[in-house]
Amino acid sequence: MHDGFSLETLGVPTAVIVTTAFLHEAKVQRAALGMAGLAPVVVEHPLSSISEEEIRSRAADALGQVVRVWQGSYTEPA
């Protein structure tokens, strides 16, 4: 979230990607940084213990979310 905040502050459109296990923490950091509009893109946790094929699948799923963030049409998960 900190890198996303820094990039957004510089005017660089940013999509911060977090796993489900870290969604709450991402929202807390976003609030602390005063960046309510920085919606995290969420992928299933974990990533470190899954196959390369599963990681590719999750990345493909995240891509649609990332594009919607950049287009301003993303609705973040609750």
Protein backbone atom coordinates (compact mmCIF):
# COMPACT_ATOMS: atom_id res chain seq x y z
CA MET A 1 0.00 0.00 0.00
CA HIS A 2 2.85 2.40 0.74
CA ASP A 3 4.33 1.99 -2.73
CA GLY A 4 0.88 2.39 -4.28
CA PHE A 5 0.35 5.55 -2.25
CA SER A 6 3.71 6.93 -3.36
CA LEU A 7 3.03 6.17 -7.03
CA GLU A 8 -0.51 7.57 -6.94
CA THR A 9 0.81 10.73 -5.28
CA LEU A 10 3.15 11.11 -8.26
CA GLY A 11 0.20 10.70 -10.66
CA VAL A 12 1.05 7.13 -11.69
CA PRO A 13 -2.12 4.99 -11.94
CA THR A 14 -1.61 2.11 -9.53
CA ALA A 15 -3.27 -1.19 -8.74
CA VAL A 16 -2.05 -2.65 -5.44
CA ILE A 17 -2.37 -6.43 -5.35
CA VAL A 18 -2.88 -8.22 -2.02
CA THR A 19 -3.89 -11.73 -1.03
CA THR A 20 -7.07 -12.41 0.90
CA ALA A 21 -5.05 -12.95 4.09
CA PHE A 22 -3.75 -9.36 3.94
CA LEU A 23 -6.87 -7.51 2.78
CA HIS A 24 -7.73 -6.16 6.23
CA GLU A 25 -4.18 -4.91 6.76
CA ALA A 26 -4.20 -3.26 3.33
CA LYS A 27 -7.40 -1.40 4.20
CA VAL A 28 -5.95 -0.29 7.55
CA GLN A 29 -2.80 1.01 5.83
CA ARG A 30 -4.87 2.75 3.17
CA ALA A 31 -6.88 4.56 5.84
CA ALA A 32 -3.72 5.49 7.75
CA LEU A 33 -2.24 6.96 4.58
CA GLY A 34 -5.43 8.93 3.85
CA MET A 35 -5.86 7.24 0.49
CA ALA A 36 -9.45 5.96 0.61
CA GLY A 37 -9.64 5.74 -3.18
CA LEU A 38 -6.77 3.26 -3.48
CA ALA A 39 -8.72 0.02 -3.93
CA PRO A 40 -6.70 -3.18 -3.45
CA VAL A 41 -6.91 -5.90 -6.08
CA VAL A 42 -7.45 -9.17 -4.22
CA VAL A 43 -6.16 -12.64 -5.09
CA GLU A 44 -6.58 -15.83 -3.12
CA HIS A 45 -4.03 -16.67 -0.46
CA PRO A 46 -1.51 -18.30 -0.42
CA LEU A 47 0.83 -17.74 -3.33
CA SER A 48 4.11 -19.16 -2.06
CA SER A 49 2.97 -22.77 -1.81
CA ILE A 50 1.08 -23.21 -5.08
CA SER A 51 2.20 -24.35 -8.50
CA GLU A 52 3.38 -22.04 -11.25
CA GLU A 53 0.23 -22.92 -13.19
CA GLU A 54 -1.97 -21.86 -10.26
CA ILE A 55 -0.04 -18.61 -9.92
CA ARG A 56 -0.55 -17.91 -13.62
CA SER A 57 -4.27 -18.55 -13.19
CA ARG A 58 -4.50 -16.15 -10.26
CA ALA A 59 -2.54 -13.54 -12.18
CA ALA A 60 -4.92 -13.89 -15.12
CA ASP A 61 -7.87 -13.45 -12.77
CA ALA A 62 -6.25 -10.37 -11.20
CA LEU A 63 -5.63 -8.78 -14.58
CA GLY A 64 -9.31 -7.98 -15.06
CA GLN A 65 -9.42 -6.32 -11.66
CA VAL A 66 -6.28 -4.32 -12.43
CA VAL A 67 -7.73 -3.04 -15.70
CA ARG A 68 -10.95 -2.00 -13.92
CA VAL A 69 -8.91 -0.14 -11.28
CA TRP A 70 -7.08 1.77 -14.01
CA GLN A 71 -10.37 2.50 -15.79
CA GLY A 72 -12.02 3.69 -12.58
CA SER A 73 -14.76 1.04 -12.72
CA TYR A 74 -13.50 -1.31 -10.00
CA THR A 75 -15.69 -2.16 -7.04
CA GLU A 76 -13.55 -3.51 -4.23
CA PRO A 77 -14.53 -6.56 -2.21
CA ALA A 78 -16.10 -6.03 1.21
